[in-house]
Amino acid sequence: MFQWITGVIAAFGYLGIAGLMLAENVFPPIPSELIMPLAGYMAAQGQFSLVWLILAGTAGSVIGAVLWYWIGLKIGLERLVRSHAATGAGSGSLRATSPARNIGSTATAGRRCFSGG
């Protein structure tokens, strides 16, 4: 895995870093804990700009997260709850993460962070 990741980074540069970070989001066996430190080492050696390296890694990671968000949006909450319940896990944990249910807790957390209370 180490050789493959370093080969991709060396061959494709910033695009390779973005692609690997996207793949890390889609295929969990690819660890970002290897990708970014290796790319950071290459930046320390002068092969990459640290700013562009961070932007490429962030872009790849965000694109991967948006891909999963889009898939979830297309599947829909009710279908996702049904398939989750079919595994025997129940639906409570999925319903608890609904964005509408988190608005109050997010507002409370924000108020506590910025008001000191």
PDB file of N, CA and C in Angstrom:
ATOM      1  N   MET A   1       0.835  -1.185   0.000  1.00  0.00           N
ATOM      2  CA  MET A   1       0.000   0.000   0.000  1.00  0.00           C
ATOM      3  C   MET A   1       0.882   1.252   0.000  1.00  0.00           C
ATOM      4  N   PHE A   2       1.943   1.233   0.817  1.00  0.00           N
ATOM      5  CA  PHE A   2       2.849   2.372   0.917  1.00  0.00           C
ATOM      6  C   PHE A   2       3.459   2.703  -0.447  1.00  0.00           C
ATOM      7  N   GLN A   3       3.953   1.689  -1.142  1.00  0.00           N
ATOM      8  CA  GLN A   3       4.581   1.903  -2.453  1.00  0.00           C
ATOM      9  C   GLN A   3       3.581   2.447  -3.460  1.00  0.00           C
ATOM     10  N   TRP A   4       2.371   1.917  -3.424  1.00  0.00           N
ATOM     11  CA  TRP A   4       1.344   2.357  -4.371  1.00  0.00           C
ATOM     12  C   TRP A   4       0.980   3.822  -4.131  1.00  0.00           C
ATOM     13  N   ILE A   5       0.788   4.193  -2.872  1.00  0.00           N
ATOM     14  CA  ILE A   5       0.420   5.574  -2.542  1.00  0.00           C
ATOM     15  C   ILE A   5       1.534   6.537  -2.946  1.00  0.00           C
ATOM     16  N   THR A   6       2.772   6.197  -2.616  1.00  0.00           N
ATOM     17  CA  THR A   6       3.873   7.086  -3.002  1.00  0.00           C
ATOM     18  C   THR A   6       4.016   7.173  -4.509  1.00  0.00           C
ATOM     19  N   GLY A   7       3.747   6.074  -5.206  1.00  0.00           N
ATOM     20  CA  GLY A   7       3.798   6.085  -6.670  1.00  0.00           C
ATOM     21  C   GLY A   7       2.745   6.988  -7.277  1.00  0.00           C
ATOM     22  N   VAL A   8       1.533   6.933  -6.742  1.00  0.00           N
ATOM     23  CA  VAL A   8       0.447   7.792  -7.235  1.00  0.00           C
ATOM     24  C   VAL A   8       0.762   9.261  -6.974  1.00  0.00           C
ATOM     25  N   ILE A   9       1.239   9.561  -5.776  1.00  0.00           N
ATOM     26  CA  ILE A   9       1.575  10.950  -5.447  1.00  0.00           C
ATOM     27  C   ILE A   9       2.701  11.450  -6.336  1.00  0.00           C
ATOM     28  N   ALA A  10       3.730  10.632  -6.533  1.00  0.00           N
ATOM     29  CA  ALA A  10       4.866  11.045  -7.368  1.00  0.00           C
ATOM     30  C   ALA A  10       4.459  11.223  -8.826  1.00  0.00           C
ATOM     31  N   ALA A  11       3.592  10.353  -9.314  1.00  0.00           N
ATOM     32  CA  ALA A  11       3.211  10.402 -10.731  1.00  0.00           C
ATOM     33  C   ALA A  11       2.200  11.500 -11.047  1.00  0.00           C
ATOM     34  N   PHE A  12       1.247  11.734 -10.149  1.00  0.00           N
ATOM     35  CA  PHE A  12       0.144  12.644 -10.463  1.00  0.00           C
ATOM     36  C   PHE A  12       0.139  13.943  -9.659  1.00  0.00           C
ATOM     37  N   GLY A  13       1.012  14.065  -8.691  1.00  0.00           N
ATOM     38  CA  GLY A  13       1.123  15.304  -7.935  1.00  0.00           C
ATOM     39  C   GLY A  13      -0.134  15.638  -7.152  1.00  0.00           C
ATOM     40  N   TYR A  14      -0.537  16.910  -7.259  1.00  0.00           N
ATOM     41  CA  TYR A  14      -1.704  17.384  -6.501  1.00  0.00           C
ATOM     42  C   TYR A  14      -2.976  16.637  -6.899  1.00  0.00           C
ATOM     43  N   LEU A  15      -3.116  16.337  -8.165  1.00  0.00           N
ATOM     44  CA  LEU A  15      -4.286  15.582  -8.631  1.00  0.00           C
ATOM     45  C   LEU A  15      -4.298  14.180  -8.008  1.00  0.00           C
ATOM     46  N   GLY A  16      -3.128  13.585  -7.868  1.00  0.00           N
ATOM     47  CA  GLY A  16      -3.025  12.279  -7.219  1.00  0.00           C
ATOM     48  C   GLY A  16      -3.421  12.338  -5.755  1.00  0.00           C
ATOM     49  N   ILE A  17      -3.014  13.408  -5.075  1.00  0.00           N
ATOM     50  CA  ILE A  17      -3.379  13.581  -3.666  1.00  0.00           C
ATOM     51  C   ILE A  17      -4.891  13.736  -3.540  1.00  0.00           C
ATOM     52  N   ALA A  18      -5.479  14.579  -4.390  1.00  0.00           N
ATOM     53  CA  ALA A  18      -6.933  14.766  -4.368  1.00  0.00           C
ATOM     54  C   ALA A  18      -7.646  13.455  -4.681  1.00  0.00           C
ATOM     55  N   GLY A  19      -7.165  12.739  -5.674  1.00  0.00           N
ATOM     56  CA  GLY A  19      -7.780  11.458  -6.041  1.00  0.00           C
ATOM     57  C   GLY A  19      -7.679  10.420  -4.938  1.00  0.00           C
ATOM     58  N   LEU A  20      -6.532  10.361  -4.276  1.00  0.00           N
ATOM     59  CA  LEU A  20      -6.369   9.411  -3.175  1.00  0.00           C
ATOM     60  C   LEU A  20      -7.271   9.759  -1.995  1.00  0.00           C
ATOM     61  N   MET A  21      -7.404  11.047  -1.709  1.00  0.00           N
ATOM     62  CA  MET A  21      -8.279  11.452  -0.607  1.00  0.00           C
ATOM     63  C   MET A  21      -9.744  11.179  -0.948  1.00  0.00           C
ATOM     64  N   LEU A  22     -10.122  11.370  -2.202  1.00  0.00           N
ATOM     65  CA  LEU A  22     -11.477  11.020  -2.635  1.00  0.00           C
ATOM     66  C   LEU A  22     -11.680   9.519  -2.476  1.00  0.00           C
ATOM     67  N   ALA A  23     -10.714   8.738  -2.933  1.00  0.00           N
ATOM     68  CA  ALA A  23     -10.817   7.279  -2.821  1.00  0.00           C
ATOM     69  C   ALA A  23     -10.867   6.842  -1.361  1.00  0.00           C
ATOM     70  N   GLU A  24     -10.162   7.544  -0.494  1.00  0.00           N
ATOM     71  CA  GLU A  24     -10.175   7.208   0.930  1.00  0.00           C
ATOM     72  C   GLU A  24     -11.569   7.371   1.517  1.00  0.00           C
ATOM     73  N   ASN A  25     -12.322   8.347   1.035  1.00  0.00           N
ATOM     74  CA  ASN A  25     -13.695   8.544   1.499  1.00  0.00           C
ATOM     75  C   ASN A  25     -14.635   7.484   0.955  1.00  0.00           C
ATOM     76  N   VAL A  26     -14.385   7.042  -0.257  1.00  0.00           N
ATOM     77  CA  VAL A  26     -15.287   6.088  -0.901  1.00  0.00           C
ATOM     78  C   VAL A  26     -14.928   4.650  -0.539  1.00  0.00           C
ATOM     79  N   PHE A  27     -13.645   4.352  -0.458  1.00  0.00           N
ATOM     80  CA  PHE A  27     -13.167   3.000  -0.148  1.00  0.00           C
ATOM     81  C   PHE A  27     -12.335   3.058   1.133  1.00  0.00           C
ATOM     82  N   PRO A  28     -12.953   2.831   2.294  1.00  0.00           N
ATOM     83  CA  PRO A  28     -12.266   3.010   3.574  1.00  0.00           C
ATOM     84  C   PRO A  28     -10.933   2.270   3.758  1.00  0.00           C
ATOM     85  N   PRO A  29     -10.645   1.159   3.064  1.00  0.00           N
ATOM     86  CA  PRO A  29      -9.344   0.523   3.304  1.00  0.00           C
ATOM     87  C   PRO A  29      -8.137   1.378   2.906  1.00  0.00           C
ATOM     88  N   ILE A  30      -8.346   2.457   2.159  1.00  0.00           N
ATOM     89  CA  ILE A  30      -7.234   3.345   1.816  1.00  0.00           C
ATOM     90  C   ILE A  30      -7.126   4.380   2.933  1.00  0.00           C
ATOM     91  N   PRO A  31      -6.065   4.336   3.725  1.00  0.00           N
ATOM     92  CA  PRO A  31      -5.987   5.225   4.892  1.00  0.00           C
ATOM     93  C   PRO A  31      -5.420   6.611   4.567  1.00  0.00           C
ATOM     94  N   SER A  32      -6.147   7.639   4.977  1.00  0.00           N
ATOM     95  CA  SER A  32      -5.633   9.002   4.806  1.00  0.00           C
ATOM     96  C   SER A  32      -4.445   9.246   5.725  1.00  0.00           C
ATOM     97  N   GLU A  33      -4.306   8.406   6.746  1.00  0.00           N
ATOM     98  CA  GLU A  33      -3.169   8.531   7.661  1.00  0.00           C
ATOM     99  C   GLU A  33      -1.851   8.223   6.966  1.00  0.00           C
ATOM    100  N   LEU A  34      -1.901   7.571   5.811  1.00  0.00           N
ATOM    101  CA  LEU A  34      -0.701   7.366   4.999  1.00  0.00           C
ATOM    102  C   LEU A  34      -0.562   8.436   3.927  1.00  0.00           C
ATOM    103  N   ILE A  35      -1.674   8.847   3.360  1.00  0.00           N
ATOM    104  CA  ILE A  35      -1.644   9.763   2.214  1.00  0.00           C
ATOM    105  C   ILE A  35      -1.082  11.121   2.601  1.00  0.00           C
ATOM    106  N   MET A  36      -1.695  11.775   3.553  1.00  0.00           N
ATOM    107  CA  MET A  36      -1.319  13.150   3.874  1.00  0.00           C
ATOM    108  C   MET A  36       0.063  13.266   4.524  1.00  0.00           C
ATOM    109  N   PRO A  37       0.451  12.381   5.439  1.00  0.00           N
ATOM    110  CA  PRO A  37       1.821  12.499   5.958  1.00  0.00           C
ATOM    111  C   PRO A  37       2.890  12.289   4.881  1.00  0.00           C
ATOM    112  N   LEU A  38       2.662  11.354   3.973  1.00  0.00           N
ATOM    113  CA  LEU A  38       3.626  11.159   2.891  1.00  0.00           C
ATOM    114  C   LEU A  38       3.691  12.385   1.988  1.00  0.00           C
ATOM    115  N   ALA A  39       2.543  12.941   1.682  1.00  0.00           N
ATOM    116  CA  ALA A  39       2.510  14.157   0.869  1.00  0.00           C
ATOM    117  C   ALA A  39       3.164  15.310   1.632  1.00  0.00           C
ATOM    118  N   GLY A  40       2.944  15.380   2.932  1.00  0.00           N
ATOM    119  CA  GLY A  40       3.585  16.409   3.753  1.00  0.00           C
ATOM    120  C   GLY A  40       5.093  16.258   3.767  1.00  0.00           C
ATOM    121  N   TYR A  41       5.561  15.023   3.807  1.00  0.00           N
ATOM    122  CA  TYR A  41       7.005  14.774   3.752  1.00  0.00           C
ATOM    123  C   TYR A  41       7.566  15.260   2.417  1.00  0.00           C
ATOM    124  N   MET A  42       6.836  14.979   1.340  1.00  0.00           N
ATOM    125  CA  MET A  42       7.286  15.436   0.021  1.00  0.00           C
ATOM    126  C   MET A  42       7.286  16.965  -0.056  1.00  0.00           C
ATOM    127  N   ALA A  43       6.340  17.600   0.620  1.00  0.00           N
ATOM    128  CA  ALA A  43       6.320  19.065   0.666  1.00  0.00           C
ATOM    129  C   ALA A  43       7.527  19.581   1.440  1.00  0.00           C
ATOM    130  N   ALA A  44       7.883  18.903   2.525  1.00  0.00           N
ATOM    131  CA  ALA A  44       9.049  19.310   3.310  1.00  0.00           C
ATOM    132  C   ALA A  44      10.338  19.162   2.506  1.00  0.00           C
ATOM    133  N   GLN A  45      10.341  18.224   1.560  1.00  0.00           N
ATOM    134  CA  GLN A  45      11.505  18.022   0.694  1.00  0.00           C
ATOM    135  C   GLN A  45      11.538  19.025  -0.454  1.00  0.00           C
ATOM    136  N   GLY A  46      10.485  19.862  -0.565  1.00  0.00           N
ATOM    137  CA  GLY A  46      10.440  20.875  -1.610  1.00  0.00           C
ATOM    138  C   GLY A  46       9.763  20.427  -2.900  1.00  0.00           C
ATOM    139  N   GLN A  47       9.161  19.246  -2.893  1.00  0.00           N
ATOM    140  CA  GLN A  47       8.506  18.737  -4.097  1.00  0.00           C
ATOM    141  C   GLN A  47       7.109  19.324  -4.293  1.00  0.00           C
ATOM    142  N   PHE A  48       6.474  19.768  -3.222  1.00  0.00           N
ATOM    143  CA  PHE A  48       5.120  20.326  -3.276  1.00  0.00           C
ATOM    144  C   PHE A  48       5.052  21.589  -2.435  1.00  0.00           C
ATOM    145  N   SER A  49       4.076  22.421  -2.751  1.00  0.00           N
ATOM    146  CA  SER A  49       3.746  23.573  -1.903  1.00  0.00           C
ATOM    147  C   SER A  49       2.782  23.076  -0.826  1.00  0.00           C
ATOM    148  N   LEU A  50       3.062  23.405   0.411  1.00  0.00           N
ATOM    149  CA  LEU A  50       2.212  22.942   1.508  1.00  0.00           C
ATOM    150  C   LEU A  50       0.777  23.443   1.364  1.00  0.00           C
ATOM    151  N   VAL A  51       0.608  24.691   0.953  1.00  0.00           N
ATOM    152  CA  VAL A  51      -0.736  25.263   0.797  1.00  0.00           C
ATOM    153  C   VAL A  51      -1.517  24.491  -0.266  1.00  0.00           C
ATOM    154  N   TRP A  52      -0.910  24.259  -1.429  1.00  0.00           N
ATOM    155  CA  TRP A  52      -1.600  23.533  -2.506  1.00  0.00           C
ATOM    156  C   TRP A  52      -1.839  22.074  -2.126  1.00  0.00           C
ATOM    157  N   LEU A  53      -0.945  21.513  -1.344  1.00  0.00           N
ATOM    158  CA  LEU A  53      -1.111  20.142  -0.880  1.00  0.00           C
ATOM    159  C   LEU A  53      -2.335  20.037   0.033  1.00  0.00           C
ATOM    160  N   ILE A  54      -2.464  20.979   0.961  1.00  0.00           N
ATOM    161  CA  ILE A  54      -3.620  20.990   1.865  1.00  0.00           C
ATOM    162  C   ILE A  54      -4.906  21.214   1.080  1.00  0.00           C
ATOM    163  N   LEU A  55      -4.876  22.133   0.118  1.00  0.00           N
ATOM    164  CA  LEU A  55      -6.067  22.385  -0.707  1.00  0.00           C
ATOM    165  C   LEU A  55      -6.446  21.155  -1.525  1.00  0.00           C
ATOM    166  N   ALA A  56      -5.466  20.464  -2.093  1.00  0.00           N
ATOM    167  CA  ALA A  56      -5.755  19.261  -2.888  1.00  0.00           C
ATOM    168  C   ALA A  56      -6.343  18.159  -2.008  1.00  0.00           C
ATOM    169  N   GLY A  57      -5.759  17.942  -0.826  1.00  0.00           N
ATOM    170  CA  GLY A  57      -6.282  16.928   0.092  1.00  0.00           C
ATOM    171  C   GLY A  57      -7.684  17.254   0.567  1.00  0.00           C
ATOM    172  N   THR A  58      -7.915  18.525   0.871  1.00  0.00           N
ATOM    173  CA  THR A  58      -9.240  18.955   1.309  1.00  0.00           C
ATOM    174  C   THR A  58     -10.260  18.802   0.194  1.00  0.00           C
ATOM    175  N   ALA A  59      -9.880  19.209  -1.024  1.00  0.00           N
ATOM    176  CA  ALA A  59     -10.802  19.104  -2.166  1.00  0.00           C
ATOM    177  C   ALA A  59     -11.197  17.644  -2.412  1.00  0.00           C
ATOM    178  N   GLY A  60     -10.228  16.745  -2.402  1.00  0.00           N
ATOM    179  CA  GLY A  60     -10.533  15.330  -2.607  1.00  0.00           C
ATOM    180  C   GLY A  60     -11.436  14.773  -1.527  1.00  0.00           C
ATOM    181  N   SER A  61     -11.180  15.150  -0.288  1.00  0.00           N
ATOM    182  CA  SER A  61     -11.984  14.673   0.831  1.00  0.00           C
ATOM    183  C   SER A  61     -13.412  15.211   0.756  1.00  0.00           C
ATOM    184  N   VAL A  62     -13.548  16.492   0.426  1.00  0.00           N
ATOM    185  CA  VAL A  62     -14.882  17.100   0.323  1.00  0.00           C
ATOM    186  C   VAL A  62     -15.667  16.489  -0.838  1.00  0.00           C
ATOM    187  N   ILE A  63     -15.009  16.261  -1.960  1.00  0.00           N
ATOM    188  CA  ILE A  63     -15.695  15.638  -3.108  1.00  0.00           C
ATOM    189  C   ILE A  63     -16.187  14.249  -2.729  1.00  0.00           C
ATOM    190  N   GLY A  64     -15.378  13.485  -2.001  1.00  0.00           N
ATOM    191  CA  GLY A  64     -15.810  12.160  -1.540  1.00  0.00           C
ATOM    192  C   GLY A  64     -16.989  12.228  -0.595  1.00  0.00           C
ATOM    193  N   ALA A  65     -16.974  13.209   0.312  1.00  0.00           N
ATOM    194  CA  ALA A  65     -18.094  13.368   1.251  1.00  0.00           C
ATOM    195  C   ALA A  65     -19.358  13.797   0.516  1.00  0.00           C
ATOM    196  N   VAL A  66     -19.218  14.689  -0.461  1.00  0.00           N
ATOM    197  CA  VAL A  66     -20.375  15.138  -1.244  1.00  0.00           C
ATOM    198  C   VAL A  66     -20.946  13.981  -2.047  1.00  0.00           C
ATOM    199  N   LEU A  67     -20.087  13.100  -2.534  1.00  0.00           N
ATOM    200  CA  LEU A  67     -20.562  11.913  -3.267  1.00  0.00           C
ATOM    201  C   LEU A  67     -21.467  11.070  -2.375  1.00  0.00           C
ATOM    202  N   TRP A  68     -21.020  10.798  -1.140  1.00  0.00           N
ATOM    203  CA  TRP A  68     -21.852  10.018  -0.222  1.00  0.00           C
ATOM    204  C   TRP A  68     -23.122  10.764   0.166  1.00  0.00           C
ATOM    205  N   TYR A  69     -23.029  12.076   0.328  1.00  0.00           N
ATOM    206  CA  TYR A  69     -24.217  12.878   0.633  1.00  0.00           C
ATOM    207  C   TYR A  69     -25.230  12.761  -0.506  1.00  0.00           C
ATOM    208  N   TRP A  70     -24.756  12.866  -1.745  1.00  0.00           N
ATOM    209  CA  TRP A  70     -25.632  12.779  -2.913  1.00  0.00           C
ATOM    210  C   TRP A  70     -26.284  11.398  -2.982  1.00  0.00           C
ATOM    211  N   ILE A  71     -25.513  10.353  -2.720  1.00  0.00           N
ATOM    212  CA  ILE A  71     -26.078   8.994  -2.716  1.00  0.00           C
ATOM    213  C   ILE A  71     -27.171   8.873  -1.653  1.00  0.00           C
ATOM    214  N   GLY A  72     -26.897   9.389  -0.452  1.00  0.00           N
ATOM    215  CA  GLY A  72     -27.908   9.364   0.611  1.00  0.00           C
ATOM    216  C   GLY A  72     -29.140  10.166   0.262  1.00  0.00           C
ATOM    217  N   LEU A  73     -28.939  11.293  -0.404  1.00  0.00           N
ATOM    218  CA  LEU A  73     -30.062  12.128  -0.819  1.00  0.00           C
ATOM    219  C   LEU A  73     -30.934  11.395  -1.834  1.00  0.00           C
ATOM    220  N   LYS A  74     -30.302  10.704  -2.772  1.00  0.00           N
ATOM    221  CA  LYS A  74     -31.052   9.960  -3.790  1.00  0.00           C
ATOM    222  C   LYS A  74     -31.756   8.743  -3.203  1.00  0.00           C
ATOM    223  N   ILE A  75     -31.138   8.088  -2.233  1.00  0.00           N
ATOM    224  CA  ILE A  75     -31.754   6.919  -1.605  1.00  0.00           C
ATOM    225  C   ILE A  75     -32.961   7.355  -0.768  1.00  0.00           C
ATOM    226  N   GLY A  76     -32.826   8.427  -0.037  1.00  0.00           N
ATOM    227  CA  GLY A  76     -33.921   8.922   0.796  1.00  0.00           C
ATOM    228  C   GLY A  76     -33.870   8.335   2.192  1.00  0.00           C
ATOM    229  N   LEU A  77     -34.357   9.106   3.145  1.00  0.00           N
ATOM    230  CA  LEU A  77     -34.299   8.705   4.547  1.00  0.00           C
ATOM    231  C   LEU A  77     -35.153   7.475   4.831  1.00  0.00           C
ATOM    232  N   GLU A  78     -36.364   7.430   4.293  1.00  0.00           N
ATOM    233  CA  GLU A  78     -37.246   6.295   4.601  1.00  0.00           C
ATOM    234  C   GLU A  78     -36.672   4.975   4.087  1.00  0.00           C
ATOM    235  N   ARG A  79     -36.134   4.979   2.879  1.00  0.00           N
ATOM    236  CA  ARG A  79     -35.540   3.753   2.324  1.00  0.00           C
ATOM    237  C   ARG A  79     -34.300   3.364   3.121  1.00  0.00           C
ATOM    238  N   LEU A  80     -33.527   4.350   3.521  1.00  0.00           N
ATOM    239  CA  LEU A  80     -32.339   4.085   4.316  1.00  0.00           C
ATOM    240  C   LEU A  80     -32.719   3.509   5.677  1.00  0.00           C
ATOM    241  N   VAL A  81     -33.774   4.039   6.294  1.00  0.00           N
ATOM    242  CA  VAL A  81     -34.247   3.524   7.581  1.00  0.00           C
ATOM    243  C   VAL A  81     -34.722   2.085   7.425  1.00  0.00           C
ATOM    244  N   ARG A  82     -35.469   1.788   6.347  1.00  0.00           N
ATOM    245  CA  ARG A  82     -35.944   0.412   6.118  1.00  0.00           C
ATOM    246  C   ARG A  82     -34.782  -0.556   5.952  1.00  0.00           C
ATOM    247  N   SER A  83     -33.790  -0.190   5.160  1.00  0.00           N
ATOM    248  CA  SER A  83     -32.664  -1.102   4.940  1.00  0.00           C
ATOM    249  C   SER A  83     -31.825  -1.239   6.207  1.00  0.00           C
ATOM    250  N   HIS A  84     -31.718  -0.166   6.988  1.00  0.00           N
ATOM    251  CA  HIS A  84     -30.981  -0.219   8.242  1.00  0.00           C
ATOM    252  C   HIS A  84     -31.710  -1.125   9.229  1.00  0.00           C
ATOM    253  N   ALA A  85     -33.029  -1.027   9.285  1.00  0.00           N
ATOM    254  CA  ALA A  85     -33.826  -1.860  10.189  1.00  0.00           C
ATOM    255  C   ALA A  85     -33.762  -3.329   9.772  1.00  0.00           C
ATOM    256  N   ALA A  86     -33.629  -3.590   8.469  1.00  0.00           N
ATOM    257  CA  ALA A  86     -33.562  -4.964   7.980  1.00  0.00           C
ATOM    258  C   ALA A  86     -32.303  -5.670   8.476  1.00  0.00           C
ATOM    259  N   THR A  87     -31.279  -4.917   8.824  1.00  0.00           N
ATOM    260  CA  THR A  87     -30.049  -5.524   9.336  1.00  0.00           C
ATOM    261  C   THR A  87     -30.155  -5.844  10.823  1.00  0.00           C
ATOM    262  N   GLY A  88     -31.264  -5.424  11.449  1.00  0.00           N
ATOM    263  CA  GLY A  88     -31.463  -5.681  12.867  1.00  0.00           C
ATOM    264  C   GLY A  88     -30.920  -4.577  13.747  1.00  0.00           C
ATOM    265  N   ALA A  89     -30.445  -3.497  13.138  1.00  0.00           N
ATOM    266  CA  ALA A  89     -29.853  -2.416  13.920  1.00  0.00           C
ATOM    267  C   ALA A  89     -30.896  -1.449  14.454  1.00  0.00           C
ATOM    268  N   GLY A  90     -32.122  -1.501  13.946  1.00  0.00           N
ATOM    269  CA  GLY A  90     -33.156  -0.567  14.376  1.00  0.00           C
ATOM    270  C   GLY A  90     -33.031   0.747  13.622  1.00  0.00           C
ATOM    271  N   SER A  91     -34.008   1.612  13.789  1.00  0.00           N
ATOM    272  CA  SER A  91     -34.002   2.865  13.044  1.00  0.00           C
ATOM    273  C   SER A  91     -33.782   4.080  13.924  1.00  0.00           C
ATOM    274  N   GLY A  92     -33.696   3.895  15.225  1.00  0.00           N
ATOM    275  CA  GLY A  92     -33.553   5.025  16.128  1.00  0.00           C
ATOM    276  C   GLY A  92     -32.300   5.839  15.887  1.00  0.00           C
ATOM    277  N   SER A  93     -31.193   5.173  15.619  1.00  0.00           N
ATOM    278  CA  SER A  93     -29.942   5.908  15.439  1.00  0.00           C
ATOM    279  C   SER A  93     -29.959   6.740  14.160  1.00  0.00           C
ATOM    280  N   LEU A  94     -30.633   6.262  13.115  1.00  0.00           N
ATOM    281  CA  LEU A  94     -30.711   7.040  11.882  1.00  0.00           C
ATOM    282  C   LEU A  94     -31.644   8.227  12.044  1.00  0.00           C
ATOM    283  N   ARG A  95     -32.754   8.027  12.693  1.00  0.00           N
ATOM    284  CA  ARG A  95     -33.690   9.133  12.878  1.00  0.00           C
ATOM    285  C   ARG A  95     -33.088  10.213  13.782  1.00  0.00           C
ATOM    286  N   ALA A  96     -32.269   9.812  14.736  1.00  0.00           N
ATOM    287  CA  ALA A  96     -31.653  10.777  15.651  1.00  0.00           C
ATOM    288  C   ALA A  96     -30.658  11.682  14.938  1.00  0.00           C
ATOM    289  N   THR A  97     -30.154  11.255  13.783  1.00  0.00           N
ATOM    290  CA  THR A  97     -29.176  12.070  13.071  1.00  0.00           C
ATOM    291  C   THR A  97     -29.812  12.929  11.985  1.00  0.00           C
ATOM    292  N   SER A  98     -31.125  12.970  11.947  1.00  0.00           N
ATOM    293  CA  SER A  98     -31.814  13.810  10.969  1.00  0.00           C
ATOM    294  C   SER A  98     -31.447  15.272  11.204  1.00  0.00           C
ATOM    295  N   PRO A  99     -31.144  16.025  10.142  1.00  0.00           N
ATOM    296  CA  PRO A  99     -30.742  17.424  10.306  1.00  0.00           C
ATOM    297  C   PRO A  99     -31.773  18.263  11.061  1.00  0.00           C
ATOM    298  N   ALA A 100     -33.061  17.986  10.857  1.00  0.00           N
ATOM    299  CA  ALA A 100     -34.105  18.762  11.532  1.00  0.00           C
ATOM    300  C   ALA A 100     -34.041  18.575  13.040  1.00  0.00           C
ATOM    301  N   ARG A 101     -33.637  17.415  13.488  1.00  0.00           N
ATOM    302  CA  ARG A 101     -33.556  17.146  14.918  1.00  0.00           C
ATOM    303  C   ARG A 101     -32.311  17.751  15.549  1.00  0.00           C
ATOM    304  N   ASN A 102     -31.307  18.067  14.757  1.00  0.00           N
ATOM    305  CA  ASN A 102     -30.043  18.561  15.287  1.00  0.00           C
ATOM    306  C   ASN A 102     -29.964  20.083  15.347  1.00  0.00           C
ATOM    307  N   ILE A 103     -30.957  20.772  14.832  1.00  0.00           N
ATOM    308  CA  ILE A 103     -30.889  22.239  14.796  1.00  0.00           C
ATOM    309  C   ILE A 103     -30.785  22.817  16.199  1.00  0.00           C
ATOM    310  N   GLY A 104     -31.587  22.333  17.116  1.00  0.00           N
ATOM    311  CA  GLY A 104     -31.555  22.856  18.484  1.00  0.00           C
ATOM    312  C   GLY A 104     -30.228  22.597  19.167  1.00  0.00           C
ATOM    313  N   SER A 105     -29.682  21.379  19.003  1.00  0.00           N
ATOM    314  CA  SER A 105     -28.413  21.069  19.662  1.00  0.00           C
ATOM    315  C   SER A 105     -27.267  21.850  19.037  1.00  0.00           C
ATOM    316  N   THR A 106     -27.331  22.080  17.731  1.00  0.00           N
ATOM    317  CA  THR A 106     -26.292  22.868  17.065  1.00  0.00           C
ATOM    318  C   THR A 106     -26.347  24.315  17.540  1.00  0.00           C
ATOM    319  N   ALA A 107     -27.547  24.849  17.644  1.00  0.00           N
ATOM    320  CA  ALA A 107     -27.691  26.228  18.115  1.00  0.00           C
ATOM    321  C   ALA A 107     -27.206  26.351  19.558  1.00  0.00           C
ATOM    322  N   THR A 108     -27.510  25.369  20.381  1.00  0.00           N
ATOM    323  CA  THR A 108     -27.068  25.388  21.768  1.00  0.00           C
ATOM    324  C   THR A 108     -25.553  25.321  21.855  1.00  0.00           C
ATOM    325  N   ALA A 109     -24.945  24.427  21.066  1.00  0.00           N
ATOM    326  CA  ALA A 109     -23.486  24.310  21.067  1.00  0.00           C
ATOM    327  C   ALA A 109     -22.847  25.610  20.593  1.00  0.00           C
ATOM    328  N   GLY A 110     -23.403  26.222  19.556  1.00  0.00           N
ATOM    329  CA  GLY A 110     -22.869  27.485  19.055  1.00  0.00           C
ATOM    330  C   GLY A 110     -22.983  28.597  20.075  1.00  0.00           C
ATOM    331  N   ARG A 111     -24.116  28.644  20.754  1.00  0.00           N
ATOM    332  CA  ARG A 111     -24.329  29.678  21.786  1.00  0.00           C
ATOM    333  C   ARG A 111     -23.325  29.494  22.914  1.00  0.00           C
ATOM    334  N   ARG A 112     -23.076  28.249  23.303  1.00  0.00           N
ATOM    335  CA  ARG A 112     -22.124  27.999  24.398  1.00  0.00           C
ATOM    336  C   ARG A 112     -20.702  28.341  23.992  1.00  0.00           C
ATOM    337  N   CYS A 113     -20.347  28.096  22.748  1.00  0.00           N
ATOM    338  CA  CYS A 113     -18.990  28.388  22.284  1.00  0.00           C
ATOM    339  C   CYS A 113     -18.716  29.875  22.215  1.00  0.00           C
ATOM    340  N   PHE A 114     -19.705  30.645  21.764  1.00  0.00           N
ATOM    341  CA  PHE A 114     -19.468  32.055  21.512  1.00  0.00           C
ATOM    342  C   PHE A 114     -19.895  32.981  22.644  1.00  0.00           C
ATOM    343  N   SER A 115     -20.689  32.473  23.595  1.00  0.00           N
ATOM    344  CA  SER A 115     -21.127  33.349  24.677  1.00  0.00           C
ATOM    345  C   SER A 115     -20.399  33.055  25.988  1.00  0.00           C
ATOM    346  N   GLY A 116     -19.607  31.983  25.968  1.00  0.00           N
ATOM    347  CA  GLY A 116     -18.882  31.623  27.193  1.00  0.00           C
ATOM    348  C   GLY A 116     -19.731  30.904  28.202  1.00  0.00           C
ATOM    349  N   GLY A 117     -20.969  30.528  27.802  1.00  0.00           N
ATOM    350  CA  GLY A 117     -21.863  29.880  28.765  1.00  0.00           C
ATOM    351  C   GLY A 117     -22.213  28.569  28.309  1.00  0.00           C
TER     352      GLY A 117
END
